[in-house]
Amino acid sequence: MYMKKSSFLLLWMPVMFVMLACEGTEAKIEEFLPNDSVKVEGTKFVAGHEEALESVLRSIPSEYINKARTTLHIAYQHTSHGTHVARGMFGLPGYKSGDNELFAITDKNRAVGKLDFNDNVLSRYAPPGVTATDLSENETAFIQTTRNYLDASINAHINVVMWSWCDIAGHKPLENYIPGMETLIKEYGPNGTKIGTGNGQRKEPVHFIFMTGHANANNNVGTGKPKNQADLINDYCNKEKLFCLDYYSIDSHDMDGNYWDDAGDDGNSREYGGNFYKEWQDKHSVGNGFYYNLESPNGKVAFGDHNTQHITANRKAYAMWWILARIAGWDGE
């Protein structure tokens, strides 16, 4: 349960994250996690506000950041709110000295030594007549769309998949999202039925990252609303030891860890009396407390959609790297 105006460790949810391979890419950059790395150790699986801090990011042993950056191949599908993760990750390499190498990243353009990130690549694999742009547009479309994507030979190297919600309010994660993810994990996860060397199988198993939905101003608490939906997903992920990026937790906690149950998706809260993320940003400077988010690697500066500050997307990038390091073998402690 979230405790109002108090620090709380939120549970991790697995969310799907996948990368697109480029034809003609040299084999030397197709580095995969060794088979003995598919079993993840540790006790923490949900990346919420306590994990989404620069201090936590800097505490991760570099060997796991390096391993994640060079062995993970990610595919990510989202609409506007999902830009928070991508733009935060694209901007992070420009933050501080050494980050351009430590957090080097590409978008649909694989390169040696850089995280292979493929932004918005799954929707084109939707079955005819089906719209699969995020988890909210059609709650079950992601299942067959992901199968189609992973079954395509050009995507044989993909080993992480994540899908984002738009507005999670009113949806049915227990009936649609969680069972759909369970199905995909049983098929494409470590030791899945579609993993192997036989006909119709793929060699590389996939880690699916869950995600909660963003906060809705003055409308977070109650059946079917963001806070309650996040509890359902986080509880499941903690129980099953699956990774989750907890959007709701990051949206609803200020930088001191206080929880605001009326918060929106921009750090705005009437109970707080303003915008806790913008106020914190205004007290700091670029390169000292936050960095500019970018639309693409080395691209234009841009807030995450629906944001008026950079902190939200910065924090979601920190949380994403926490998950990637965990997948790469770090115990999270």
Protein backbone atom coordinates (compact mmCIF):
# COMPACT_ATOMS: atom_id res chain seq x y z
CA MET A 1 0.00 0.00 0.00
CA TYR A 2 1.19 3.53 -0.68
CA MET A 3 1.62 5.54 2.49
CA LYS A 4 0.72 9.19 2.05
CA LYS A 5 3.67 11.60 2.34
CA SER A 6 6.02 8.84 3.33
CA SER A 7 8.72 6.88 1.58
CA PHE A 8 7.63 3.57 0.25
CA LEU A 9 9.26 0.83 -1.75
CA LEU A 10 7.00 -0.11 -4.63
CA LEU A 11 6.93 -3.51 -6.18
CA TRP A 12 8.48 -4.26 -9.56
CA MET A 13 6.36 -5.21 -12.51
CA PRO A 14 7.56 -6.91 -15.63
CA VAL A 15 6.92 -4.93 -18.75
CA MET A 16 7.62 -5.84 -22.32
CA PHE A 17 10.59 -4.22 -23.97
CA VAL A 18 11.95 -5.35 -27.44
CA MET A 19 14.60 -4.17 -29.94
CA LEU A 20 14.63 -4.17 -33.74
CA ALA A 21 17.59 -5.70 -35.55
CA CYS A 22 18.96 -4.01 -38.65
CA GLU A 23 19.59 -6.02 -41.75
CA GLY A 24 23.25 -6.22 -42.67
CA THR A 25 24.45 -5.69 -39.08
CA GLU A 26 27.77 -7.35 -38.45
CA ALA A 27 27.63 -10.50 -36.36
CA LYS A 28 30.32 -9.22 -34.01
CA ILE A 29 27.84 -6.92 -32.25
CA GLU A 30 25.26 -9.64 -31.71
CA GLU A 31 26.33 -10.26 -28.13
CA PHE A 32 23.85 -12.10 -25.96
CA LEU A 33 23.58 -12.86 -22.30
CA PRO A 34 25.10 -16.28 -21.59
CA ASN A 35 22.57 -19.03 -20.96
CA ASP A 36 23.42 -19.12 -17.27
CA SER A 37 22.34 -15.49 -16.91
CA VAL A 38 18.66 -15.99 -17.66
CA LYS A 39 17.94 -16.78 -14.01
CA VAL A 40 17.77 -13.48 -12.14
CA GLU A 41 18.89 -13.31 -8.52
CA GLY A 42 17.87 -10.85 -5.81
CA THR A 43 14.71 -9.87 -3.98
CA LYS A 44 13.71 -6.57 -5.62
CA PHE A 45 11.85 -6.59 -8.92
CA VAL A 46 9.78 -3.39 -9.07
CA ALA A 47 11.51 -0.12 -9.96
CA GLY A 48 9.60 2.67 -8.28
CA HIS A 49 10.46 6.02 -6.77
CA GLU A 50 13.12 4.60 -4.44
CA GLU A 51 15.05 3.11 -7.36
CA ALA A 52 14.47 6.09 -9.66
CA LEU A 53 17.21 8.26 -8.17
CA GLU A 54 20.58 9.31 -9.54
CA SER A 55 22.24 8.16 -6.31
CA VAL A 56 20.88 4.66 -6.89
CA LEU A 57 21.94 4.66 -10.54
CA ARG A 58 25.49 5.66 -9.58
CA SER A 59 25.63 2.88 -6.99
CA ILE A 60 25.09 0.12 -9.58
CA PRO A 61 28.41 -1.66 -10.22
CA SER A 62 29.64 -0.59 -13.66
CA GLU A 63 30.20 -4.19 -14.71
CA TYR A 64 26.42 -4.71 -14.78
CA ILE A 65 25.73 -1.48 -16.64
CA ASN A 66 28.38 -2.51 -19.18
CA LYS A 67 26.94 -6.00 -19.49
CA ALA A 68 23.42 -4.67 -19.97
CA ARG A 69 24.58 -2.11 -22.52
CA THR A 70 26.43 -4.66 -24.64
CA THR A 71 24.20 -7.74 -24.37
CA LEU A 72 20.62 -6.52 -24.17
CA HIS A 73 18.55 -5.84 -27.28
CA ILE A 74 15.36 -3.97 -26.44
CA ALA A 75 12.06 -3.41 -28.21
CA TYR A 76 9.68 -0.85 -26.73
CA GLN A 77 6.17 0.09 -27.83
CA HIS A 78 4.31 3.14 -26.56
CA THR A 79 2.33 6.27 -27.29
CA SER A 80 2.73 9.69 -25.66
CA HIS A 81 3.27 8.82 -21.99
CA GLY A 82 5.77 6.16 -22.96
CA THR A 83 8.10 8.85 -24.30
CA HIS A 84 9.22 9.46 -20.70
CA VAL A 85 11.39 6.32 -20.70
CA ALA A 86 12.80 6.72 -24.22
CA ARG A 87 13.61 10.44 -24.03
CA GLY A 88 15.13 10.02 -20.59
CA MET A 89 17.39 7.23 -21.83
CA PHE A 90 18.34 9.17 -24.97
CA GLY A 91 19.35 12.20 -22.89
CA LEU A 92 21.29 10.43 -20.12
CA PRO A 93 24.55 10.00 -22.09
CA GLY A 94 24.93 13.79 -22.13
CA TYR A 95 24.55 14.24 -18.39
CA LYS A 96 27.97 13.92 -16.75
CA SER A 97 31.52 13.03 -17.66
CA GLY A 98 31.76 9.40 -18.75
CA ASP A 99 28.01 8.97 -19.23
CA ASN A 100 28.40 9.18 -23.00
CA GLU A 101 30.17 5.83 -22.84
CA LEU A 102 28.56 4.22 -19.80
CA PHE A 103 24.99 4.86 -21.00
CA ALA A 104 25.63 4.96 -24.76
CA ILE A 105 22.48 4.10 -26.68
CA THR A 106 21.16 3.81 -30.23
CA ASP A 107 17.66 3.80 -31.68
CA LYS A 108 17.08 1.24 -34.44
CA ASN A 109 20.72 1.56 -35.44
CA ARG A 110 22.84 -1.07 -33.72
CA ALA A 111 26.43 -0.18 -32.91
CA VAL A 112 29.27 -1.80 -31.00
CA GLY A 113 29.37 -0.81 -27.32
CA LYS A 114 25.97 0.90 -27.28
CA LEU A 115 22.64 -0.24 -25.87
CA ASP A 116 20.54 -1.61 -28.70
CA PHE A 117 17.26 0.22 -28.17
CA ASN A 118 14.40 0.04 -30.65
CA ASP A 119 11.70 2.62 -30.02
CA ASN A 120 8.14 2.05 -31.25
CA VAL A 121 8.88 -0.99 -33.41
CA LEU A 122 6.21 -3.53 -32.48
CA SER A 123 3.01 -1.89 -33.71
CA ARG A 124 3.82 -2.56 -37.38
CA TYR A 125 3.62 -6.30 -36.61
CA ALA A 126 -0.02 -6.12 -35.50
CA PRO A 127 -2.38 -8.56 -37.23
CA PRO A 128 -4.37 -7.10 -40.15
CA GLY A 129 -7.09 -4.76 -38.97
CA VAL A 130 -5.76 -4.64 -35.40
CA THR A 131 -4.40 -1.52 -33.70
CA ALA A 132 -1.56 -2.20 -31.28
CA THR A 133 0.05 1.13 -30.43
CA ASP A 134 0.06 0.69 -26.64
CA LEU A 135 -1.59 -1.37 -23.91
CA SER A 136 -4.60 0.92 -23.58
CA GLU A 137 -5.80 1.09 -27.19
CA ASN A 138 -6.58 -2.62 -27.29
CA GLU A 139 -5.84 -4.57 -24.12
CA THR A 140 -5.01 -7.88 -25.79
CA ALA A 141 -3.57 -6.80 -29.15
CA PHE A 142 -0.06 -6.80 -27.72
CA ILE A 143 -0.05 -10.59 -27.40
CA GLN A 144 -0.20 -11.63 -31.07
CA THR A 145 1.66 -8.50 -32.14
CA THR A 146 4.57 -9.47 -29.92
CA ARG A 147 4.52 -13.03 -31.24
CA ASN A 148 4.66 -11.74 -34.81
CA TYR A 149 7.55 -9.47 -33.93
CA LEU A 150 9.60 -12.09 -32.09
CA ASP A 151 8.96 -14.74 -34.74
CA ALA A 152 10.39 -12.56 -37.51
CA SER A 153 13.96 -13.68 -38.24
CA ILE A 154 15.19 -10.09 -38.39
CA ASN A 155 14.34 -9.80 -34.69
CA ALA A 156 15.99 -13.03 -33.56
CA HIS A 157 18.46 -11.13 -31.36
CA ILE A 158 15.81 -9.30 -29.31
CA ASN A 159 15.91 -10.32 -25.65
CA VAL A 160 13.95 -7.59 -23.82
CA VAL A 161 10.39 -6.41 -24.54
CA MET A 162 8.33 -3.68 -22.91
CA TRP A 163 4.93 -2.18 -23.69
CA SER A 164 3.61 1.04 -22.16
CA TRP A 165 0.15 2.06 -21.05
CA CYS A 166 -1.50 5.28 -22.07
CA ASP A 167 -4.20 5.73 -19.39
CA ILE A 168 -4.61 2.57 -17.31
CA ALA A 169 -7.80 3.77 -15.61
CA GLY A 170 -10.80 1.58 -16.35
CA HIS A 171 -8.79 -1.24 -17.88
CA LYS A 172 -8.64 -4.83 -16.65
CA PRO A 173 -5.04 -5.90 -15.99
CA LEU A 174 -6.06 -9.01 -14.05
CA GLU A 175 -8.21 -10.25 -16.93
CA ASN A 176 -6.14 -9.12 -19.92
CA TYR A 177 -2.67 -7.68 -19.32
CA ILE A 178 -1.30 -10.09 -16.72
CA PRO A 179 -2.63 -13.26 -18.39
CA GLY A 180 -1.32 -12.00 -21.73
CA MET A 181 2.11 -11.41 -20.28
CA GLU A 182 2.03 -14.83 -18.61
CA THR A 183 1.33 -16.42 -21.98
CA LEU A 184 4.22 -14.63 -23.67
CA ILE A 185 6.61 -15.49 -20.85
CA LYS A 186 5.66 -19.17 -21.06
CA GLU A 187 6.30 -19.10 -24.79
CA TYR A 188 9.32 -16.79 -25.17
CA GLY A 189 10.80 -16.47 -21.69
CA PRO A 190 13.70 -18.58 -20.40
CA ASN A 191 12.89 -22.26 -21.07
CA GLY A 192 9.75 -21.18 -22.96
CA THR A 193 8.00 -23.43 -25.46
CA LYS A 194 9.25 -21.34 -28.38
CA ILE A 195 12.87 -21.28 -27.23
CA GLY A 196 15.19 -23.83 -28.81
CA THR A 197 16.65 -24.88 -32.14
CA GLY A 198 13.67 -26.63 -33.64
CA ASN A 199 11.40 -25.47 -36.44
CA GLY A 200 9.48 -22.34 -35.42
CA GLN A 201 11.67 -21.74 -32.37
CA ARG A 202 14.10 -18.94 -31.54
CA LYS A 203 17.43 -19.36 -29.76
CA GLU A 204 17.33 -16.21 -27.66
CA PRO A 205 14.92 -16.12 -24.67
CA VAL A 206 13.18 -12.84 -23.87
CA HIS A 207 12.79 -10.87 -20.65
CA PHE A 208 9.43 -9.09 -20.46
CA ILE A 209 9.22 -5.94 -18.37
CA PHE A 210 5.86 -5.00 -16.89
CA MET A 211 4.71 -1.43 -16.42
CA THR A 212 2.12 0.40 -14.34
CA GLY A 213 0.13 3.36 -15.63
CA HIS A 214 0.76 7.05 -15.12
CA ALA A 215 -0.93 9.06 -12.37
CA ASN A 216 -4.14 11.00 -13.04
CA ALA A 217 -4.53 14.30 -11.21
CA ASN A 218 -7.10 14.10 -8.38
CA ASN A 219 -8.29 10.71 -9.60
CA ASN A 220 -5.80 8.02 -8.58
CA VAL A 221 -7.48 6.05 -5.82
CA GLY A 222 -10.34 3.58 -6.19
CA THR A 223 -11.25 0.46 -8.10
CA GLY A 224 -9.89 0.59 -11.64
CA LYS A 225 -7.85 3.74 -10.98
CA PRO A 226 -4.05 4.17 -11.33
CA LYS A 227 -3.03 3.52 -7.71
CA ASN A 228 -5.19 0.41 -7.37
CA GLN A 229 -4.13 -0.88 -10.80
CA ALA A 230 -0.48 -0.37 -9.84
CA ASP A 231 -1.01 -2.39 -6.65
CA LEU A 232 -2.41 -5.30 -8.69
CA ILE A 233 0.47 -5.34 -11.14
CA ASN A 234 3.19 -4.79 -8.54
CA ASP A 235 1.82 -7.50 -6.27
CA TYR A 236 1.86 -9.95 -9.15
CA CYS A 237 5.39 -9.02 -10.20
CA ASN A 238 6.74 -9.32 -6.67
CA LYS A 239 5.12 -12.70 -6.22
CA GLU A 240 6.34 -14.06 -9.56
CA LYS A 241 9.74 -12.31 -9.46
CA LEU A 242 9.14 -10.38 -12.66
CA PHE A 243 10.41 -6.91 -13.43
CA CYS A 244 8.19 -3.86 -13.53
CA LEU A 245 8.73 -0.17 -14.16
CA ASP A 246 6.36 1.54 -11.77
CA TYR A 247 5.25 4.71 -13.52
CA TYR A 248 2.64 5.44 -10.87
CA SER A 249 5.15 5.41 -8.03
CA ILE A 250 7.50 7.79 -9.83
CA ASP A 251 4.68 10.15 -10.81
CA SER A 252 3.24 10.34 -7.29
CA HIS A 253 6.35 10.73 -5.13
CA ASP A 254 8.44 13.88 -4.82
CA MET A 255 12.24 13.86 -4.67
CA ASP A 256 12.18 13.46 -0.88
CA GLY A 257 10.05 10.33 -1.16
CA ASN A 258 6.79 11.90 0.00
CA TYR A 259 3.65 10.41 -1.54
CA TRP A 260 0.92 12.64 -3.00
CA ASP A 261 -2.19 10.66 -3.87
CA ASP A 262 -3.68 13.50 -5.92
CA ALA A 263 -0.62 13.92 -8.14
CA GLY A 264 -0.88 14.03 -11.90
CA ASP A 265 1.59 12.88 -14.54
CA ASP A 266 3.69 16.07 -14.37
CA GLY A 267 4.55 16.31 -10.66
CA ASN A 268 1.50 18.51 -10.16
CA SER A 269 -0.39 18.20 -6.87
CA ARG A 270 -2.93 20.48 -5.21
CA GLU A 271 -2.15 18.96 -1.83
CA TYR A 272 1.52 19.71 -2.36
CA GLY A 273 0.62 23.21 -3.50
CA GLY A 274 2.29 23.23 -6.89
CA ASN A 275 4.56 21.10 -9.04
CA PHE A 276 7.11 19.26 -6.90
CA TYR A 277 9.25 18.20 -9.86
CA LYS A 278 9.40 21.62 -11.50
CA GLU A 279 10.21 23.29 -8.18
CA TRP A 280 13.03 20.82 -7.59
CA GLN A 281 14.36 21.33 -11.12
CA ASP A 282 14.29 25.11 -10.68
CA LYS A 283 16.55 24.76 -7.62
CA HIS A 284 19.13 22.79 -9.60
CA SER A 285 20.94 23.16 -12.90
CA VAL A 286 21.62 21.11 -16.02
CA GLY A 287 24.52 18.81 -15.25
CA ASN A 288 24.00 19.24 -11.53
CA GLY A 289 20.79 17.52 -10.49
CA PHE A 290 19.18 16.85 -13.85
CA TYR A 291 19.83 16.62 -17.56
CA TYR A 292 17.99 17.45 -20.76
CA ASN A 293 15.85 14.67 -22.20
CA LEU A 294 16.16 14.16 -25.95
CA GLU A 295 13.78 13.06 -28.70
CA SER A 296 16.43 10.69 -30.06
CA PRO A 297 20.11 9.91 -29.43
CA ASN A 298 21.95 13.22 -29.97
CA GLY A 299 18.60 14.70 -30.99
CA LYS A 300 16.52 17.72 -30.00
CA VAL A 301 15.85 18.60 -26.37
CA ALA A 302 12.32 17.64 -25.37
CA PHE A 303 10.31 17.03 -22.23
CA GLY A 304 8.49 13.75 -22.00
CA ASP A 305 5.01 14.23 -23.41
CA HIS A 306 2.57 15.76 -20.90
CA ASN A 307 5.51 17.11 -18.88
CA THR A 308 6.72 20.66 -18.25
CA GLN A 309 10.00 19.55 -16.65
CA HIS A 310 12.78 17.01 -17.22
CA ILE A 311 12.73 15.26 -13.84
CA THR A 312 9.92 12.80 -14.60
CA ALA A 313 11.68 11.34 -17.64
CA ASN A 314 15.10 11.48 -15.93
CA ARG A 315 13.75 9.33 -13.11
CA LYS A 316 12.07 6.82 -15.42
CA ALA A 317 15.36 6.40 -17.28
CA TYR A 318 17.13 5.73 -13.96
CA ALA A 319 14.48 3.11 -13.15
CA MET A 320 14.87 1.49 -16.56
CA TRP A 321 18.63 1.17 -16.20
CA TRP A 322 18.08 -0.34 -12.74
CA ILE A 323 15.95 -3.04 -14.35
CA LEU A 324 18.43 -3.64 -17.16
CA ALA A 325 21.26 -4.06 -14.66
CA ARG A 326 19.12 -6.53 -12.73
CA ILE A 327 18.48 -8.51 -15.91
CA ALA A 328 22.23 -8.48 -16.56
CA GLY A 329 22.84 -10.24 -13.24
CA TRP A 330 23.03 -7.55 -10.55
CA ASP A 331 21.24 -8.55 -7.36
CA GLY A 332 19.85 -5.05 -6.76
CA GLU A 333 21.40 -4.76 -3.31
